């Protein structure tokens, strides 16, 4: 199983994490969800899949530089300039 995070969602999450206290992140995200239609509802909307689960195993090269692998479970977080991938192998 592989989870792929939308690059725009990743960028907003990184901005929030860098600029908002950790204990407020969930509350700010939930509040933003509530007021988003008021702020931006007048614009044409494109559906965004915040995270997609893909049925693939972890490829051998996935957990390389700039990645964090967990030796106890076949899980890998891979981050590059365009995306973040959480992969769960079998």
PDB file of N, CA and C in Angstrom:
ATOM      1  N   UNK A   1       0.856  -1.165   0.000  1.00  0.00           N
ATOM      2  CA  UNK A   1       0.000   0.000   0.000  1.00  0.00           C
ATOM      3  C   UNK A   1       0.898   1.222   0.000  1.00  0.00           C
ATOM      4  N   UNK A   2       0.585   2.173  -0.827  1.00  0.00           N
ATOM      5  CA  UNK A   2       1.368   3.398  -0.917  1.00  0.00           C
ATOM      6  C   UNK A   2       0.411   4.580  -0.822  1.00  0.00           C
ATOM      7  N   UNK A   3       0.721   5.543   0.019  1.00  0.00           N
ATOM      8  CA  UNK A   3      -0.095   6.741   0.169  1.00  0.00           C
ATOM      9  C   UNK A   3       0.661   7.907  -0.455  1.00  0.00           C
ATOM     10  N   UNK A   4       0.041   8.575  -1.424  1.00  0.00           N
ATOM     11  CA  UNK A   4       0.664   9.700  -2.105  1.00  0.00           C
ATOM     12  C   UNK A   4      -0.095  10.974  -1.726  1.00  0.00           C
ATOM     13  N   UNK A   5       0.626  11.964  -1.206  1.00  0.00           N
ATOM     14  CA  UNK A   5       0.031  13.222  -0.773  1.00  0.00           C
ATOM     15  C   UNK A   5       0.085  14.224  -1.912  1.00  0.00           C
ATOM     16  N   UNK A   6      -1.042  14.902  -2.169  1.00  0.00           N
ATOM     17  CA  UNK A   6      -1.112  15.930  -3.204  1.00  0.00           C
ATOM     18  C   UNK A   6      -0.054  17.007  -2.919  1.00  0.00           C
ATOM     19  N   UNK A   7       0.698  17.465  -3.941  1.00  0.00           N
ATOM     20  CA  UNK A   7       1.760  18.445  -3.717  1.00  0.00           C
ATOM     21  C   UNK A   7       1.258  19.770  -3.120  1.00  0.00           C
ATOM     22  N   UNK A   8       0.062  20.219  -3.499  1.00  0.00           N
ATOM     23  CA  UNK A   8      -0.476  21.459  -2.936  1.00  0.00           C
ATOM     24  C   UNK A   8      -0.842  21.271  -1.464  1.00  0.00           C
ATOM     25  N   UNK A   9      -1.415  20.124  -1.140  1.00  0.00           N
ATOM     26  CA  UNK A   9      -1.749  19.812   0.252  1.00  0.00           C
ATOM     27  C   UNK A   9      -0.468  19.739   1.067  1.00  0.00           C
ATOM     28  N   UNK A  10       0.558  19.117   0.507  1.00  0.00           N
ATOM     29  CA  UNK A  10       1.846  19.017   1.185  1.00  0.00           C
ATOM     30  C   UNK A  10       2.426  20.405   1.447  1.00  0.00           C
ATOM     31  N   UNK A  11       2.356  21.296   0.458  1.00  0.00           N
ATOM     32  CA  UNK A  11       2.905  22.647   0.613  1.00  0.00           C
ATOM     33  C   UNK A  11       2.183  23.416   1.720  1.00  0.00           C
ATOM     34  N   UNK A  12       0.853  23.316   1.767  1.00  0.00           N
ATOM     35  CA  UNK A  12       0.083  23.999   2.812  1.00  0.00           C
ATOM     36  C   UNK A  12       0.408  23.405   4.177  1.00  0.00           C
ATOM     37  N   UNK A  13       0.500  22.086   4.257  1.00  0.00           N
ATOM     38  CA  UNK A  13       0.816  21.429   5.529  1.00  0.00           C
ATOM     39  C   UNK A  13       2.201  21.839   6.033  1.00  0.00           C
ATOM     40  N   UNK A  14       3.168  21.906   5.129  1.00  0.00           N
ATOM     41  CA  UNK A  14       4.518  22.328   5.520  1.00  0.00           C
ATOM     42  C   UNK A  14       4.525  23.780   5.990  1.00  0.00           C
ATOM     43  N   UNK A  15       3.778  24.648   5.287  1.00  0.00           N
ATOM     44  CA  UNK A  15       3.682  26.043   5.704  1.00  0.00           C
ATOM     45  C   UNK A  15       3.072  26.142   7.096  1.00  0.00           C
ATOM     46  N   UNK A  16       1.963  25.418   7.297  1.00  0.00           N
ATOM     47  CA  UNK A  16       1.305  25.451   8.602  1.00  0.00           C
ATOM     48  C   UNK A  16       2.229  24.949   9.699  1.00  0.00           C
ATOM     49  N   UNK A  17       2.923  23.851   9.435  1.00  0.00           N
ATOM     50  CA  UNK A  17       3.795  23.261  10.445  1.00  0.00           C
ATOM     51  C   UNK A  17       4.949  24.197  10.786  1.00  0.00           C
ATOM     52  N   UNK A  18       5.391  25.000   9.833  1.00  0.00           N
ATOM     53  CA  UNK A  18       6.501  25.924  10.064  1.00  0.00           C
ATOM     54  C   UNK A  18       6.065  27.214  10.754  1.00  0.00           C
ATOM     55  N   UNK A  19       4.767  27.534  10.706  1.00  0.00           N
ATOM     56  CA  UNK A  19       4.313  28.844  11.169  1.00  0.00           C
ATOM     57  C   UNK A  19       3.279  28.822  12.288  1.00  0.00           C
ATOM     58  N   UNK A  20       2.804  27.656  12.675  1.00  0.00           N
ATOM     59  CA  UNK A  20       1.739  27.544  13.680  1.00  0.00           C
ATOM     60  C   UNK A  20       2.191  26.571  14.763  1.00  0.00           C
ATOM     61  N   UNK A  21       1.871  26.903  16.003  1.00  0.00           N
ATOM     62  CA  UNK A  21       2.212  26.007  17.111  1.00  0.00           C
ATOM     63  C   UNK A  21       1.586  24.631  16.874  1.00  0.00           C
ATOM     64  N   UNK A  22       2.331  23.586  17.196  1.00  0.00           N
ATOM     65  CA  UNK A  22       1.874  22.212  16.960  1.00  0.00           C
ATOM     66  C   UNK A  22       0.528  21.939  17.618  1.00  0.00           C
ATOM     67  N   UNK A  23       0.304  22.462  18.812  1.00  0.00           N
ATOM     68  CA  UNK A  23      -0.950  22.192  19.527  1.00  0.00           C
ATOM     69  C   UNK A  23      -2.156  22.876  18.890  1.00  0.00           C
ATOM     70  N   UNK A  24      -1.924  23.775  17.925  1.00  0.00           N
ATOM     71  CA  UNK A  24      -3.017  24.474  17.256  1.00  0.00           C
ATOM     72  C   UNK A  24      -3.270  23.973  15.830  1.00  0.00           C
ATOM     73  N   UNK A  25      -2.397  23.122  15.305  1.00  0.00           N
ATOM     74  CA  UNK A  25      -2.485  22.728  13.892  1.00  0.00           C
ATOM     75  C   UNK A  25      -3.831  22.117  13.506  1.00  0.00           C
ATOM     76  N   UNK A  26      -4.325  21.174  14.271  1.00  0.00           N
ATOM     77  CA  UNK A  26      -5.594  20.513  13.927  1.00  0.00           C
ATOM     78  C   UNK A  26      -6.735  21.524  13.996  1.00  0.00           C
ATOM     79  N   UNK A  27      -6.760  22.341  15.029  1.00  0.00           N
ATOM     80  CA  UNK A  27      -7.815  23.343  15.171  1.00  0.00           C
ATOM     81  C   UNK A  27      -7.804  24.354  14.038  1.00  0.00           C
ATOM     82  N   UNK A  28      -6.619  24.797  13.636  1.00  0.00           N
ATOM     83  CA  UNK A  28      -6.512  25.750  12.525  1.00  0.00           C
ATOM     84  C   UNK A  28      -6.983  25.089  11.227  1.00  0.00           C
ATOM     85  N   UNK A  29      -6.560  23.843  10.984  1.00  0.00           N
ATOM     86  CA  UNK A  29      -6.972  23.136   9.764  1.00  0.00           C
ATOM     87  C   UNK A  29      -8.485  22.947   9.730  1.00  0.00           C
ATOM     88  N   UNK A  30      -9.082  22.572  10.856  1.00  0.00           N
ATOM     89  CA  UNK A  30     -10.541  22.387  10.909  1.00  0.00           C
ATOM     90  C   UNK A  30     -11.275  23.711  10.715  1.00  0.00           C
ATOM     91  N   UNK A  31     -10.752  24.785  11.296  1.00  0.00           N
ATOM     92  CA  UNK A  31     -11.372  26.102  11.129  1.00  0.00           C
ATOM     93  C   UNK A  31     -11.269  26.579   9.691  1.00  0.00           C
ATOM     94  N   UNK A  32     -10.115  26.336   9.083  1.00  0.00           N
ATOM     95  CA  UNK A  32      -9.932  26.716   7.686  1.00  0.00           C
ATOM     96  C   UNK A  32     -10.889  25.964   6.775  1.00  0.00           C
ATOM     97  N   UNK A  33     -11.104  24.680   7.070  1.00  0.00           N
ATOM     98  CA  UNK A  33     -12.066  23.890   6.292  1.00  0.00           C
ATOM     99  C   UNK A  33     -13.457  24.506   6.387  1.00  0.00           C
ATOM    100  N   UNK A  34     -13.819  24.994   7.561  1.00  0.00           N
ATOM    101  CA  UNK A  34     -15.149  25.563   7.766  1.00  0.00           C
ATOM    102  C   UNK A  34     -15.333  26.890   7.025  1.00  0.00           C
ATOM    103  N   UNK A  35     -14.275  27.704   6.959  1.00  0.00           N
ATOM    104  CA  UNK A  35     -14.433  29.027   6.329  1.00  0.00           C
ATOM    105  C   UNK A  35     -13.970  29.074   4.871  1.00  0.00           C
ATOM    106  N   UNK A  36     -13.358  27.991   4.380  1.00  0.00           N
ATOM    107  CA  UNK A  36     -12.855  27.974   3.001  1.00  0.00           C
ATOM    108  C   UNK A  36     -13.931  28.308   1.960  1.00  0.00           C
ATOM    109  N   UNK A  37     -15.139  27.754   2.056  1.00  0.00           N
ATOM    110  CA  UNK A  37     -16.160  28.106   1.055  1.00  0.00           C
ATOM    111  C   UNK A  37     -16.513  29.602   1.067  1.00  0.00           C
ATOM    112  N   UNK A  38     -16.454  30.222   2.229  1.00  0.00           N
ATOM    113  CA  UNK A  38     -16.742  31.660   2.324  1.00  0.00           C
ATOM    114  C   UNK A  38     -15.618  32.450   1.667  1.00  0.00           C
ATOM    115  N   UNK A  39     -14.374  32.051   1.924  1.00  0.00           N
ATOM    116  CA  UNK A  39     -13.227  32.779   1.383  1.00  0.00           C
ATOM    117  C   UNK A  39     -13.031  32.574  -0.114  1.00  0.00           C
ATOM    118  N   UNK A  40     -13.194  31.320  -0.576  1.00  0.00           N
ATOM    119  CA  UNK A  40     -12.827  31.000  -1.958  1.00  0.00           C
ATOM    120  C   UNK A  40     -13.911  30.305  -2.761  1.00  0.00           C
ATOM    121  N   UNK A  41     -15.123  30.225  -2.252  1.00  0.00           N
ATOM    122  CA  UNK A  41     -16.202  29.507  -2.929  1.00  0.00           C
ATOM    123  C   UNK A  41     -16.617  30.095  -4.259  1.00  0.00           C
ATOM    124  N   UNK A  42     -16.323  31.354  -4.472  1.00  0.00           N
ATOM    125  CA  UNK A  42     -16.733  32.003  -5.734  1.00  0.00           C
ATOM    126  C   UNK A  42     -15.869  31.595  -6.935  1.00  0.00           C
ATOM    127  N   UNK A  43     -14.743  30.961  -6.678  1.00  0.00           N
ATOM    128  CA  UNK A  43     -13.860  30.529  -7.756  1.00  0.00           C
ATOM    129  C   UNK A  43     -14.243  29.128  -8.230  1.00  0.00           C
ATOM    130  N   UNK A  44     -13.986  28.843  -9.504  1.00  0.00           N
ATOM    131  CA  UNK A  44     -14.188  27.481  -9.999  1.00  0.00           C
ATOM    132  C   UNK A  44     -13.289  26.551  -9.206  1.00  0.00           C
ATOM    133  N   UNK A  45     -13.829  25.409  -8.825  1.00  0.00           N
ATOM    134  CA  UNK A  45     -13.100  24.480  -7.977  1.00  0.00           C
ATOM    135  C   UNK A  45     -12.644  23.254  -8.758  1.00  0.00           C
ATOM    136  N   UNK A  46     -11.457  22.801  -8.452  1.00  0.00           N
ATOM    137  CA  UNK A  46     -10.926  21.561  -8.999  1.00  0.00           C
ATOM    138  C   UNK A  46     -10.824  20.566  -7.851  1.00  0.00           C
ATOM    139  N   UNK A  47     -11.364  19.366  -8.003  1.00  0.00           N
ATOM    140  CA  UNK A  47     -11.255  18.379  -6.923  1.00  0.00           C
ATOM    141  C   UNK A  47      -9.792  18.075  -6.582  1.00  0.00           C
ATOM    142  N   UNK A  48      -9.525  17.924  -5.316  1.00  0.00           N
ATOM    143  CA  UNK A  48      -8.178  17.618  -4.842  1.00  0.00           C
ATOM    144  C   UNK A  48      -8.249  16.352  -3.992  1.00  0.00           C
ATOM    145  N   UNK A  49      -7.447  15.380  -4.358  1.00  0.00           N
ATOM    146  CA  UNK A  49      -7.330  14.176  -3.535  1.00  0.00           C
ATOM    147  C   UNK A  49      -6.179  14.435  -2.577  1.00  0.00           C
ATOM    148  N   UNK A  50      -6.493  14.781  -1.339  1.00  0.00           N
ATOM    149  CA  UNK A  50      -5.460  15.106  -0.368  1.00  0.00           C
ATOM    150  C   UNK A  50      -4.446  14.000  -0.203  1.00  0.00           C
ATOM    151  N   UNK A  51      -4.944  12.773  -0.196  1.00  0.00           N
ATOM    152  CA  UNK A  51      -4.068  11.614  -0.093  1.00  0.00           C
ATOM    153  C   UNK A  51      -4.707  10.477  -0.884  1.00  0.00           C
ATOM    154  N   UNK A  52      -3.893   9.781  -1.652  1.00  0.00           N
ATOM    155  CA  UNK A  52      -4.367   8.643  -2.432  1.00  0.00           C
ATOM    156  C   UNK A  52      -3.643   7.394  -1.957  1.00  0.00           C
ATOM    157  N   UNK A  53      -4.394   6.328  -1.777  1.00  0.00           N
ATOM    158  CA  UNK A  53      -3.796   5.049  -1.406  1.00  0.00           C
ATOM    159  C   UNK A  53      -3.660   4.200  -2.666  1.00  0.00           C
ATOM    160  N   UNK A  54      -2.448   3.779  -2.937  1.00  0.00           N
ATOM    161  CA  UNK A  54      -2.164   2.966  -4.105  1.00  0.00           C
ATOM    162  C   UNK A  54      -1.754   1.573  -3.655  1.00  0.00           C
ATOM    163  N   UNK A  55      -2.263   0.570  -4.317  1.00  0.00           N
ATOM    164  CA  UNK A  55      -1.962  -0.819  -3.960  1.00  0.00           C
ATOM    165  C   UNK A  55      -0.682  -1.262  -4.652  1.00  0.00           C
ATOM    166  N   UNK A  56       0.448  -0.852  -4.093  1.00  0.00           N
ATOM    167  CA  UNK A  56       1.750  -1.238  -4.614  1.00  0.00           C
ATOM    168  C   UNK A  56       2.640  -1.572  -3.431  1.00  0.00           C
ATOM    169  N   UNK A  57       3.605  -2.421  -3.648  1.00  0.00           N
ATOM    170  CA  UNK A  57       4.556  -2.716  -2.578  1.00  0.00           C
ATOM    171  C   UNK A  57       5.680  -1.691  -2.623  1.00  0.00           C
ATOM    172  N   UNK A  58       6.457  -1.648  -1.571  1.00  0.00           N
ATOM    173  CA  UNK A  58       7.581  -0.722  -1.499  1.00  0.00           C
ATOM    174  C   UNK A  58       8.647  -1.183  -2.470  1.00  0.00           C
ATOM    175  N   UNK A  59       9.037  -0.296  -3.374  1.00  0.00           N
ATOM    176  CA  UNK A  59      10.091  -0.646  -4.314  1.00  0.00           C
ATOM    177  C   UNK A  59      11.444  -0.521  -3.622  1.00  0.00           C
ATOM    178  N   UNK A  60      12.436  -1.309  -4.030  1.00  0.00           N
ATOM    179  CA  UNK A  60      13.732  -1.304  -3.355  1.00  0.00           C
ATOM    180  C   UNK A  60      14.392   0.067  -3.297  1.00  0.00           C
ATOM    181  N   UNK A  61      14.220   0.902  -4.310  1.00  0.00           N
ATOM    182  CA  UNK A  61      14.877   2.199  -4.346  1.00  0.00           C
ATOM    183  C   UNK A  61      14.107   3.310  -3.667  1.00  0.00           C
ATOM    184  N   UNK A  62      12.927   3.021  -3.116  1.00  0.00           N
ATOM    185  CA  UNK A  62      12.099   4.077  -2.540  1.00  0.00           C
ATOM    186  C   UNK A  62      12.718   4.694  -1.308  1.00  0.00           C
ATOM    187  N   UNK A  63      13.307   3.904  -0.444  1.00  0.00           N
ATOM    188  CA  UNK A  63      13.849   4.401   0.823  1.00  0.00           C
ATOM    189  C   UNK A  63      15.328   4.720   0.676  1.00  0.00           C
ATOM    190  N   UNK A  64      15.625   5.756  -0.078  1.00  0.00           N
ATOM    191  CA  UNK A  64      17.012   6.161  -0.272  1.00  0.00           C
ATOM    192  C   UNK A  64      17.241   7.490   0.431  1.00  0.00           C
ATOM    193  N   UNK A  65      18.052   8.360  -0.112  1.00  0.00           N
ATOM    194  CA  UNK A  65      18.370   9.623   0.535  1.00  0.00           C
ATOM    195  C   UNK A  65      17.103  10.448   0.751  1.00  0.00           C
ATOM    196  N   UNK A  66      17.115  11.234   1.815  1.00  0.00           N
ATOM    197  CA  UNK A  66      16.002  12.075   2.218  1.00  0.00           C
ATOM    198  C   UNK A  66      14.770  11.241   2.556  1.00  0.00           C
ATOM    199  N   UNK A  67      14.951  10.003   2.965  1.00  0.00           N
ATOM    200  CA  UNK A  67      13.855   9.127   3.351  1.00  0.00           C
ATOM    201  C   UNK A  67      14.085   8.623   4.766  1.00  0.00           C
ATOM    202  N   UNK A  68      13.016   8.220   5.409  1.00  0.00           N
ATOM    203  CA  UNK A  68      13.104   7.627   6.729  1.00  0.00           C
ATOM    204  C   UNK A  68      12.478   6.248   6.644  1.00  0.00           C
ATOM    205  N   UNK A  69      13.221   5.232   6.979  1.00  0.00           N
ATOM    206  CA  UNK A  69      12.699   3.862   6.938  1.00  0.00           C
ATOM    207  C   UNK A  69      12.601   3.331   8.355  1.00  0.00           C
ATOM    208  N   UNK A  70      11.615   2.514   8.586  1.00  0.00           N
ATOM    209  CA  UNK A  70      11.408   1.885   9.881  1.00  0.00           C
ATOM    210  C   UNK A  70      11.810   0.426   9.752  1.00  0.00           C
ATOM    211  N   UNK A  71      12.843   0.010  10.491  1.00  0.00           N
ATOM    212  CA  UNK A  71      13.334  -1.364  10.370  1.00  0.00           C
ATOM    213  C   UNK A  71      12.391  -2.373  11.006  1.00  0.00           C
ATOM    214  N   UNK A  72      11.532  -1.938  11.926  1.00  0.00           N
ATOM    215  CA  UNK A  72      10.642  -2.866  12.609  1.00  0.00           C
ATOM    216  C   UNK A  72       9.419  -3.226  11.778  1.00  0.00           C
ATOM    217  N   UNK A  73       9.016  -2.345  10.892  1.00  0.00           N
ATOM    218  CA  UNK A  73       7.859  -2.597  10.031  1.00  0.00           C
ATOM    219  C   UNK A  73       8.217  -2.114   8.628  1.00  0.00           C
ATOM    220  N   UNK A  74       7.675  -2.729   7.605  1.00  0.00           N
ATOM    221  CA  UNK A  74       7.992  -2.324   6.232  1.00  0.00           C
ATOM    222  C   UNK A  74       7.277  -1.035   5.844  1.00  0.00           C
ATOM    223  N   UNK A  75       7.681   0.073   6.475  1.00  0.00           N
ATOM    224  CA  UNK A  75       7.071   1.379   6.223  1.00  0.00           C
ATOM    225  C   UNK A  75       8.173   2.337   5.830  1.00  0.00           C
ATOM    226  N   UNK A  76       7.896   3.205   4.884  1.00  0.00           N
ATOM    227  CA  UNK A  76       8.890   4.159   4.423  1.00  0.00           C
ATOM    228  C   UNK A  76       8.222   5.498   4.145  1.00  0.00           C
ATOM    229  N   UNK A  77       8.856   6.584   4.566  1.00  0.00           N
ATOM    230  CA  UNK A  77       8.409   7.930   4.203  1.00  0.00           C
ATOM    231  C   UNK A  77       9.455   8.494   3.281  1.00  0.00           C
ATOM    232  N   UNK A  78       9.052   8.843   2.080  1.00  0.00           N
ATOM    233  CA  UNK A  78       9.967   9.393   1.077  1.00  0.00           C
ATOM    234  C   UNK A  78       9.509  10.795   0.739  1.00  0.00           C
ATOM    235  N   UNK A  79      10.398  11.770   0.860  1.00  0.00           N
ATOM    236  CA  UNK A  79      10.064  13.155   0.568  1.00  0.00           C
ATOM    237  C   UNK A  79      11.036  13.674  -0.475  1.00  0.00           C
ATOM    238  N   UNK A  80      10.489  14.278  -1.533  1.00  0.00           N
ATOM    239  CA  UNK A  80      11.343  14.974  -2.490  1.00  0.00           C
ATOM    240  C   UNK A  80      10.742  16.341  -2.757  1.00  0.00           C
ATOM    241  N   UNK A  81      11.241  17.055  -3.748  1.00  0.00           N
ATOM    242  CA  UNK A  81      10.789  18.419  -3.991  1.00  0.00           C
ATOM    243  C   UNK A  81       9.336  18.522  -4.433  1.00  0.00           C
ATOM    244  N   UNK A  82       8.784  17.466  -5.009  1.00  0.00           N
ATOM    245  CA  UNK A  82       7.437  17.523  -5.560  1.00  0.00           C
ATOM    246  C   UNK A  82       6.378  16.761  -4.771  1.00  0.00           C
ATOM    247  N   UNK A  83       6.779  15.849  -3.915  1.00  0.00           N
ATOM    248  CA  UNK A  83       5.773  15.024  -3.259  1.00  0.00           C
ATOM    249  C   UNK A  83       6.312  14.364  -2.002  1.00  0.00           C
ATOM    250  N   UNK A  84       5.387  13.830  -1.244  1.00  0.00           N
ATOM    251  CA  UNK A  84       5.737  12.997  -0.093  1.00  0.00           C
ATOM    252  C   UNK A  84       4.993  11.689  -0.274  1.00  0.00           C
ATOM    253  N   UNK A  85       5.674  10.586  -0.045  1.00  0.00           N
ATOM    254  CA  UNK A  85       5.075   9.270  -0.230  1.00  0.00           C
ATOM    255  C   UNK A  85       5.273   8.462   1.046  1.00  0.00           C
ATOM    256  N   UNK A  86       4.189   7.913   1.547  1.00  0.00           N
ATOM    257  CA  UNK A  86       4.258   6.980   2.653  1.00  0.00           C
ATOM    258  C   UNK A  86       3.979   5.618   2.052  1.00  0.00           C
ATOM    259  N   UNK A  87       4.920   4.699   2.169  1.00  0.00           N
ATOM    260  CA  UNK A  87       4.747   3.386   1.563  1.00  0.00           C
ATOM    261  C   UNK A  87       4.755   2.325   2.642  1.00  0.00           C
ATOM    262  N   UNK A  88       3.837   1.407   2.520  1.00  0.00           N
ATOM    263  CA  UNK A  88       3.738   0.271   3.454  1.00  0.00           C
ATOM    264  C   UNK A  88       3.916  -0.987   2.634  1.00  0.00           C
ATOM    265  N   UNK A  89       4.960  -1.709   2.897  1.00  0.00           N
ATOM    266  CA  UNK A  89       5.249  -2.922   2.136  1.00  0.00           C
ATOM    267  C   UNK A  89       4.667  -4.149   2.807  1.00  0.00           C
ATOM    268  N   UNK A  90       4.833  -5.257   2.132  1.00  0.00           N
ATOM    269  CA  UNK A  90       4.335  -6.524   2.719  1.00  0.00           C
ATOM    270  C   UNK A  90       5.505  -7.427   3.001  1.00  0.00           C
TER     271      UNK A  90
END
